[in-house]
Amino acid sequence: MKNIIQKISRALQVVLMAPIKLPGKALNIIKYIALGLGIVETVLDDKDKKGKDESPPPEQIVPNQEKEVGDEME
């Protein structure tokens, strides 16, 4: 589904960038559809990233260690 949304979004961008004359209402409709698809695409990407990045990798988990004053001198 994400692939289909990306292809439709790209096609709408091509239509908007093409040097053709379109009626004002049609142009506004295409702009709103492109904007909506961009939002949907962003939400789908955020959902995928959020599902993968919920917990940090084990290398980044550091237990809370307290240093003593004498440890710095060694």
PDB file of N, CA and C in Angstrom:
ATOM      1  N   MET A   1       0.832  -1.188   0.000  1.00  0.00           N
ATOM      2  CA  MET A   1       0.000   0.000   0.000  1.00  0.00           C
ATOM      3  C   MET A   1       0.880   1.257   0.000  1.00  0.00           C
ATOM      4  N   LYS A   2       1.977   1.202   0.777  1.00  0.00           N
ATOM      5  CA  LYS A   2       2.879   2.348   0.828  1.00  0.00           C
ATOM      6  C   LYS A   2       3.477   2.619  -0.552  1.00  0.00           C
ATOM      7  N   ASN A   3       3.773   1.558  -1.288  1.00  0.00           N
ATOM      8  CA  ASN A   3       4.346   1.690  -2.625  1.00  0.00           C
ATOM      9  C   ASN A   3       3.353   2.362  -3.577  1.00  0.00           C
ATOM     10  N   ILE A   4       2.092   2.016  -3.481  1.00  0.00           N
ATOM     11  CA  ILE A   4       1.057   2.608  -4.339  1.00  0.00           C
ATOM     12  C   ILE A   4       0.899   4.092  -4.033  1.00  0.00           C
ATOM     13  N   ILE A   5       0.903   4.444  -2.744  1.00  0.00           N
ATOM     14  CA  ILE A   5       0.765   5.840  -2.345  1.00  0.00           C
ATOM     15  C   ILE A   5       1.941   6.659  -2.861  1.00  0.00           C
ATOM     16  N   GLN A   6       3.142   6.103  -2.786  1.00  0.00           N
ATOM     17  CA  GLN A   6       4.323   6.815  -3.293  1.00  0.00           C
ATOM     18  C   GLN A   6       4.225   7.055  -4.786  1.00  0.00           C
ATOM     19  N   LYS A   7       3.761   6.058  -5.539  1.00  0.00           N
ATOM     20  CA  LYS A   7       3.652   6.213  -6.992  1.00  0.00           C
ATOM     21  C   LYS A   7       2.600   7.252  -7.367  1.00  0.00           C
ATOM     22  N   ILE A   8       1.459   7.251  -6.677  1.00  0.00           N
ATOM     23  CA  ILE A   8       0.417   8.247  -6.963  1.00  0.00           C
ATOM     24  C   ILE A   8       0.919   9.639  -6.608  1.00  0.00           C
ATOM     25  N   SER A   9       1.619   9.746  -5.482  1.00  0.00           N
ATOM     26  CA  SER A   9       2.163  11.035  -5.061  1.00  0.00           C
ATOM     27  C   SER A   9       3.159  11.572  -6.083  1.00  0.00           C
ATOM     28  N   ARG A  10       4.015  10.717  -6.594  1.00  0.00           N
ATOM     29  CA  ARG A  10       4.985  11.140  -7.623  1.00  0.00           C
ATOM     30  C   ARG A  10       4.286  11.565  -8.906  1.00  0.00           C
ATOM     31  N   ALA A  11       3.242  10.832  -9.290  1.00  0.00           N
ATOM     32  CA  ALA A  11       2.504  11.192 -10.501  1.00  0.00           C
ATOM     33  C   ALA A  11       1.839  12.562 -10.341  1.00  0.00           C
ATOM     34  N   LEU A  12       1.274  12.836  -9.173  1.00  0.00           N
ATOM     35  CA  LEU A  12       0.661  14.139  -8.933  1.00  0.00           C
ATOM     36  C   LEU A  12       1.703  15.251  -8.943  1.00  0.00           C
ATOM     37  N   GLN A  13       2.893  14.976  -8.425  1.00  0.00           N
ATOM     38  CA  GLN A  13       3.957  15.975  -8.450  1.00  0.00           C
ATOM     39  C   GLN A  13       4.384  16.289  -9.879  1.00  0.00           C
ATOM     40  N   VAL A  14       4.405  15.279 -10.726  1.00  0.00           N
ATOM     41  CA  VAL A  14       4.752  15.496 -12.138  1.00  0.00           C
ATOM     42  C   VAL A  14       3.700  16.366 -12.799  1.00  0.00           C
ATOM     43  N   VAL A  15       2.430  16.103 -12.520  1.00  0.00           N
ATOM     44  CA  VAL A  15       1.352  16.909 -13.107  1.00  0.00           C
ATOM     45  C   VAL A  15       1.450  18.347 -12.620  1.00  0.00           C
ATOM     46  N   LEU A  16       1.763  18.539 -11.342  1.00  0.00           N
ATOM     47  CA  LEU A  16       1.860  19.901 -10.810  1.00  0.00           C
ATOM     48  C   LEU A  16       3.067  20.654 -11.376  1.00  0.00           C
ATOM     49  N   MET A  17       4.156  19.951 -11.649  1.00  0.00           N
ATOM     50  CA  MET A  17       5.363  20.600 -12.153  1.00  0.00           C
ATOM     51  C   MET A  17       5.337  20.792 -13.674  1.00  0.00           C
ATOM     52  N   ALA A  18       4.470  20.102 -14.376  1.00  0.00           N
ATOM     53  CA  ALA A  18       4.430  20.181 -15.838  1.00  0.00           C
ATOM     54  C   ALA A  18       3.918  21.553 -16.275  1.00  0.00           C
ATOM     55  N   PRO A  19       4.475  22.067 -17.358  1.00  0.00           N
ATOM     56  CA  PRO A  19       4.040  23.387 -17.846  1.00  0.00           C
ATOM     57  C   PRO A  19       2.757  23.296 -18.668  1.00  0.00           C
ATOM     58  N   ILE A  20       1.688  22.853 -18.042  1.00  0.00           N
ATOM     59  CA  ILE A  20       0.402  22.756 -18.737  1.00  0.00           C
ATOM     60  C   ILE A  20      -0.607  23.651 -18.026  1.00  0.00           C
ATOM     61  N   LYS A  21      -1.596  24.087 -18.778  1.00  0.00           N
ATOM     62  CA  LYS A  21      -2.642  24.926 -18.212  1.00  0.00           C
ATOM     63  C   LYS A  21      -3.784  24.033 -17.742  1.00  0.00           C
ATOM     64  N   LEU A  22      -4.136  24.181 -16.473  1.00  0.00           N
ATOM     65  CA  LEU A  22      -5.262  23.460 -15.915  1.00  0.00           C
ATOM     66  C   LEU A  22      -6.248  24.474 -15.347  1.00  0.00           C
ATOM     67  N   PRO A  23      -7.529  24.127 -15.341  1.00  0.00           N
ATOM     68  CA  PRO A  23      -8.490  25.029 -14.692  1.00  0.00           C
ATOM     69  C   PRO A  23      -8.132  25.200 -13.216  1.00  0.00           C
ATOM     70  N   GLY A  24      -8.481  26.337 -12.652  1.00  0.00           N
ATOM     71  CA  GLY A  24      -8.132  26.661 -11.275  1.00  0.00           C
ATOM     72  C   GLY A  24      -8.631  25.638 -10.268  1.00  0.00           C
ATOM     73  N   LYS A  25      -9.870  25.191 -10.431  1.00  0.00           N
ATOM     74  CA  LYS A  25     -10.426  24.231  -9.481  1.00  0.00           C
ATOM     75  C   LYS A  25      -9.709  22.889  -9.562  1.00  0.00           C
ATOM     76  N   ALA A  26      -9.390  22.454 -10.769  1.00  0.00           N
ATOM     77  CA  ALA A  26      -8.692  21.172 -10.933  1.00  0.00           C
ATOM     78  C   ALA A  26      -7.301  21.247 -10.301  1.00  0.00           C
ATOM     79  N   LEU A  27      -6.635  22.368 -10.462  1.00  0.00           N
ATOM     80  CA  LEU A  27      -5.309  22.544  -9.892  1.00  0.00           C
ATOM     81  C   LEU A  27      -5.370  22.516  -8.363  1.00  0.00           C
ATOM     82  N   ASN A  28      -6.377  23.185  -7.803  1.00  0.00           N
ATOM     83  CA  ASN A  28      -6.528  23.175  -6.348  1.00  0.00           C
ATOM     84  C   ASN A  28      -6.833  21.774  -5.823  1.00  0.00           C
ATOM     85  N   ILE A  29      -7.648  21.040  -6.528  1.00  0.00           N
ATOM     86  CA  ILE A  29      -7.986  19.667  -6.114  1.00  0.00           C
ATOM     87  C   ILE A  29      -6.736  18.796  -6.139  1.00  0.00           C
ATOM     88  N   ILE A  30      -5.939  18.908  -7.180  1.00  0.00           N
ATOM     89  CA  ILE A  30      -4.710  18.115  -7.286  1.00  0.00           C
ATOM     90  C   ILE A  30      -3.739  18.479  -6.171  1.00  0.00           C
ATOM     91  N   LYS A  31      -3.650  19.775  -5.843  1.00  0.00           N
ATOM     92  CA  LYS A  31      -2.766  20.199  -4.750  1.00  0.00           C
ATOM     93  C   LYS A  31      -3.198  19.583  -3.417  1.00  0.00           C
ATOM     94  N   TYR A  32      -4.508  19.602  -3.131  1.00  0.00           N
ATOM     95  CA  TYR A  32      -4.995  19.051  -1.870  1.00  0.00           C
ATOM     96  C   TYR A  32      -4.811  17.534  -1.804  1.00  0.00           C
ATOM     97  N   ILE A  33      -5.010  16.865  -2.918  1.00  0.00           N
ATOM     98  CA  ILE A  33      -4.802  15.409  -2.934  1.00  0.00           C
ATOM     99  C   ILE A  33      -3.325  15.099  -2.709  1.00  0.00           C
ATOM    100  N   ALA A  34      -2.438  15.852  -3.345  1.00  0.00           N
ATOM    101  CA  ALA A  34      -1.000  15.641  -3.157  1.00  0.00           C
ATOM    102  C   ALA A  34      -0.597  15.916  -1.711  1.00  0.00           C
ATOM    103  N   LEU A  35      -1.158  16.952  -1.122  1.00  0.00           N
ATOM    104  CA  LEU A  35      -0.871  17.264   0.276  1.00  0.00           C
ATOM    105  C   LEU A  35      -1.349  16.142   1.193  1.00  0.00           C
ATOM    106  N   GLY A  36      -2.554  15.650   0.963  1.00  0.00           N
ATOM    107  CA  GLY A  36      -3.094  14.551   1.775  1.00  0.00           C
ATOM    108  C   GLY A  36      -2.267  13.279   1.642  1.00  0.00           C
ATOM    109  N   LEU A  37      -1.848  12.965   0.438  1.00  0.00           N
ATOM    110  CA  LEU A  37      -1.014  11.779   0.246  1.00  0.00           C
ATOM    111  C   LEU A  37       0.347  11.939   0.915  1.00  0.00           C
ATOM    112  N   GLY A  38       0.880  13.146   0.902  1.00  0.00           N
ATOM    113  CA  GLY A  38       2.146  13.394   1.593  1.00  0.00           C
ATOM    114  C   GLY A  38       2.013  13.174   3.090  1.00  0.00           C
ATOM    115  N   ILE A  39       0.902  13.607   3.658  1.00  0.00           N
ATOM    116  CA  ILE A  39       0.664  13.399   5.091  1.00  0.00           C
ATOM    117  C   ILE A  39       0.506  11.924   5.400  1.00  0.00           C
ATOM    118  N   VAL A  40      -0.261  11.221   4.590  1.00  0.00           N
ATOM    119  CA  VAL A  40      -0.450   9.777   4.801  1.00  0.00           C
ATOM    120  C   VAL A  40       0.875   9.041   4.686  1.00  0.00           C
ATOM    121  N   GLU A  41       1.680   9.425   3.713  1.00  0.00           N
ATOM    122  CA  GLU A  41       2.986   8.787   3.521  1.00  0.00           C
ATOM    123  C   GLU A  41       3.890   9.020   4.736  1.00  0.00           C
ATOM    124  N   THR A  42       3.866  10.231   5.284  1.00  0.00           N
ATOM    125  CA  THR A  42       4.670  10.541   6.468  1.00  0.00           C
ATOM    126  C   THR A  42       4.204   9.742   7.673  1.00  0.00           C
ATOM    127  N   VAL A  43       2.908   9.615   7.842  1.00  0.00           N
ATOM    128  CA  VAL A  43       2.371   8.848   8.972  1.00  0.00           C
ATOM    129  C   VAL A  43       2.760   7.378   8.850  1.00  0.00           C
ATOM    130  N   LEU A  44       2.703   6.831   7.646  1.00  0.00           N
ATOM    131  CA  LEU A  44       3.089   5.440   7.458  1.00  0.00           C
ATOM    132  C   LEU A  44       4.573   5.237   7.728  1.00  0.00           C
ATOM    133  N   ASP A  45       5.417   6.190   7.306  1.00  0.00           N
ATOM    134  CA  ASP A  45       6.850   6.087   7.575  1.00  0.00           C
ATOM    135  C   ASP A  45       7.142   6.187   9.063  1.00  0.00           C
ATOM    136  N   ASP A  46       6.462   7.111   9.762  1.00  0.00           N
ATOM    137  CA  ASP A  46       6.667   7.262  11.208  1.00  0.00           C
ATOM    138  C   ASP A  46       6.222   6.018  11.954  1.00  0.00           C
ATOM    139  N   LYS A  47       5.160   5.403  11.499  1.00  0.00           N
ATOM    140  CA  LYS A  47       4.665   4.188  12.146  1.00  0.00           C
ATOM    141  C   LYS A  47       5.683   3.062  12.018  1.00  0.00           C
ATOM    142  N   ASP A  48       6.295   2.926  10.834  1.00  0.00           N
ATOM    143  CA  ASP A  48       7.311   1.890  10.625  1.00  0.00           C
ATOM    144  C   ASP A  48       8.544   2.160  11.471  1.00  0.00           C
ATOM    145  N   LYS A  49       8.985   3.409  11.532  1.00  0.00           N
ATOM    146  CA  LYS A  49      10.173   3.749  12.310  1.00  0.00           C
ATOM    147  C   LYS A  49       9.919   3.583  13.797  1.00  0.00           C
ATOM    148  N   LYS A  50       8.739   3.943  14.246  1.00  0.00           N
ATOM    149  CA  LYS A  50       8.416   3.842  15.667  1.00  0.00           C
ATOM    150  C   LYS A  50       8.388   2.386  16.111  1.00  0.00           C
ATOM    151  N   GLY A  51       7.881   1.505  15.292  1.00  0.00           N
ATOM    152  CA  GLY A  51       7.828   0.090  15.625  1.00  0.00           C
ATOM    153  C   GLY A  51       9.203  -0.529  15.725  1.00  0.00           C
ATOM    154  N   LYS A  52      10.151  -0.054  14.952  1.00  0.00           N
ATOM    155  CA  LYS A  52      11.500  -0.605  14.953  1.00  0.00           C
ATOM    156  C   LYS A  52      12.369  -0.015  16.053  1.00  0.00           C
ATOM    157  N   ASP A  53      12.157   1.252  16.432  1.00  0.00           N
ATOM    158  CA  ASP A  53      13.069   1.962  17.326  1.00  0.00           C
ATOM    159  C   ASP A  53      12.506   2.169  18.729  1.00  0.00           C
ATOM    160  N   GLU A  54      11.677   1.290  19.229  1.00  0.00           N
ATOM    161  CA  GLU A  54      11.099   1.506  20.544  1.00  0.00           C
ATOM    162  C   GLU A  54      12.118   1.340  21.656  1.00  0.00           C
ATOM    163  N   SER A  55      13.032   0.396  21.561  1.00  0.00           N
ATOM    164  CA  SER A  55      14.033   0.210  22.608  1.00  0.00           C
ATOM    165  C   SER A  55      15.420   0.489  22.028  1.00  0.00           C
ATOM    166  N   PRO A  56      16.291   1.113  22.819  1.00  0.00           N
ATOM    167  CA  PRO A  56      17.635   1.401  22.300  1.00  0.00           C
ATOM    168  C   PRO A  56      18.458   0.128  22.170  1.00  0.00           C
ATOM    169  N   PRO A  57      19.471   0.140  21.317  1.00  0.00           N
ATOM    170  CA  PRO A  57      20.332  -1.033  21.171  1.00  0.00           C
ATOM    171  C   PRO A  57      21.056  -1.335  22.482  1.00  0.00           C
ATOM    172  N   PRO A  58      21.459  -2.583  22.699  1.00  0.00           N
ATOM    173  CA  PRO A  58      22.092  -2.943  23.963  1.00  0.00           C
ATOM    174  C   PRO A  58      23.376  -2.182  24.250  1.00  0.00           C
ATOM    175  N   GLU A  59      24.076  -1.689  23.230  1.00  0.00           N
ATOM    176  CA  GLU A  59      25.320  -0.973  23.461  1.00  0.00           C
ATOM    177  C   GLU A  59      25.080   0.361  24.156  1.00  0.00           C
ATOM    178  N   GLN A  60      23.903   0.939  23.958  1.00  0.00           N
ATOM    179  CA  GLN A  60      23.635   2.251  24.517  1.00  0.00           C
ATOM    180  C   GLN A  60      23.095   2.185  25.942  1.00  0.00           C
ATOM    181  N   ILE A  61      22.726   1.041  26.422  1.00  0.00           N
ATOM    182  CA  ILE A  61      22.214   0.907  27.773  1.00  0.00           C
ATOM    183  C   ILE A  61      23.406   0.806  28.720  1.00  0.00           C
ATOM    184  N   VAL A  62      23.563   1.814  29.556  1.00  0.00           N
ATOM    185  CA  VAL A  62      24.683   1.856  30.497  1.00  0.00           C
ATOM    186  C   VAL A  62      24.100   1.935  31.903  1.00  0.00           C
ATOM    187  N   PRO A  63      24.474   1.009  32.787  1.00  0.00           N
ATOM    188  CA  PRO A  63      23.951   1.089  34.146  1.00  0.00           C
ATOM    189  C   PRO A  63      24.482   2.327  34.854  1.00  0.00           C
ATOM    190  N   ASN A  64      23.713   2.806  35.792  1.00  0.00           N
ATOM    191  CA  ASN A  64      24.101   3.996  36.533  1.00  0.00           C
ATOM    192  C   ASN A  64      25.196   3.635  37.527  1.00  0.00           C
ATOM    193  N   GLN A  65      26.405   4.068  37.249  1.00  0.00           N
ATOM    194  CA  GLN A  65      27.529   3.749  38.109  1.00  0.00           C
ATOM    195  C   GLN A  65      27.963   5.006  38.858  1.00  0.00           C
ATOM    196  N   GLU A  66      28.206   4.833  40.149  1.00  0.00           N
ATOM    197  CA  GLU A  66      28.663   5.964  40.947  1.00  0.00           C
ATOM    198  C   GLU A  66      30.176   5.871  41.098  1.00  0.00           C
ATOM    199  N   LYS A  67      30.845   6.990  40.866  1.00  0.00           N
ATOM    200  CA  LYS A  67      32.297   7.024  41.003  1.00  0.00           C
ATOM    201  C   LYS A  67      32.659   7.522  42.393  1.00  0.00           C
ATOM    202  N   GLU A  68      33.715   6.980  42.915  1.00  0.00           N
ATOM    203  CA  GLU A  68      34.231   7.474  44.170  1.00  0.00           C
ATOM    204  C   GLU A  68      35.304   8.508  43.884  1.00  0.00           C
ATOM    205  N   VAL A  69      35.619   9.300  44.860  1.00  0.00           N
ATOM    206  CA  VAL A  69      36.589  10.374  44.667  1.00  0.00           C
ATOM    207  C   VAL A  69      37.962   9.827  44.297  1.00  0.00           C
ATOM    208  N   GLY A  70      38.352   8.696  44.838  1.00  0.00           N
ATOM    209  CA  GLY A  70      39.662   8.120  44.583  1.00  0.00           C
ATOM    210  C   GLY A  70      39.792   7.497  43.207  1.00  0.00           C
ATOM    211  N   ASP A  71      38.690   7.173  42.528  1.00  0.00           N
ATOM    212  CA  ASP A  71      38.727   6.541  41.211  1.00  0.00           C
ATOM    213  C   ASP A  71      39.307   7.454  40.142  1.00  0.00           C
ATOM    214  N   GLU A  72      39.114   8.760  40.279  1.00  0.00           N
ATOM    215  CA  GLU A  72      39.584   9.694  39.271  1.00  0.00           C
ATOM    216  C   GLU A  72      41.107   9.821  39.274  1.00  0.00           C
ATOM    217  N   MET A  73      41.746   9.584  40.387  1.00  0.00           N
ATOM    218  CA  MET A  73      43.183   9.750  40.507  1.00  0.00           C
ATOM    219  C   MET A  73      43.964   8.615  39.862  1.00  0.00           C
ATOM    220  N   GLU A  74      43.390   7.457  39.718  1.00  0.00           N
ATOM    221  CA  GLU A  74      44.107   6.288  39.218  1.00  0.00           C
ATOM    222  C   GLU A  74      44.402   6.338  37.784  1.00  0.00           C
TER     223      GLU A  74
END
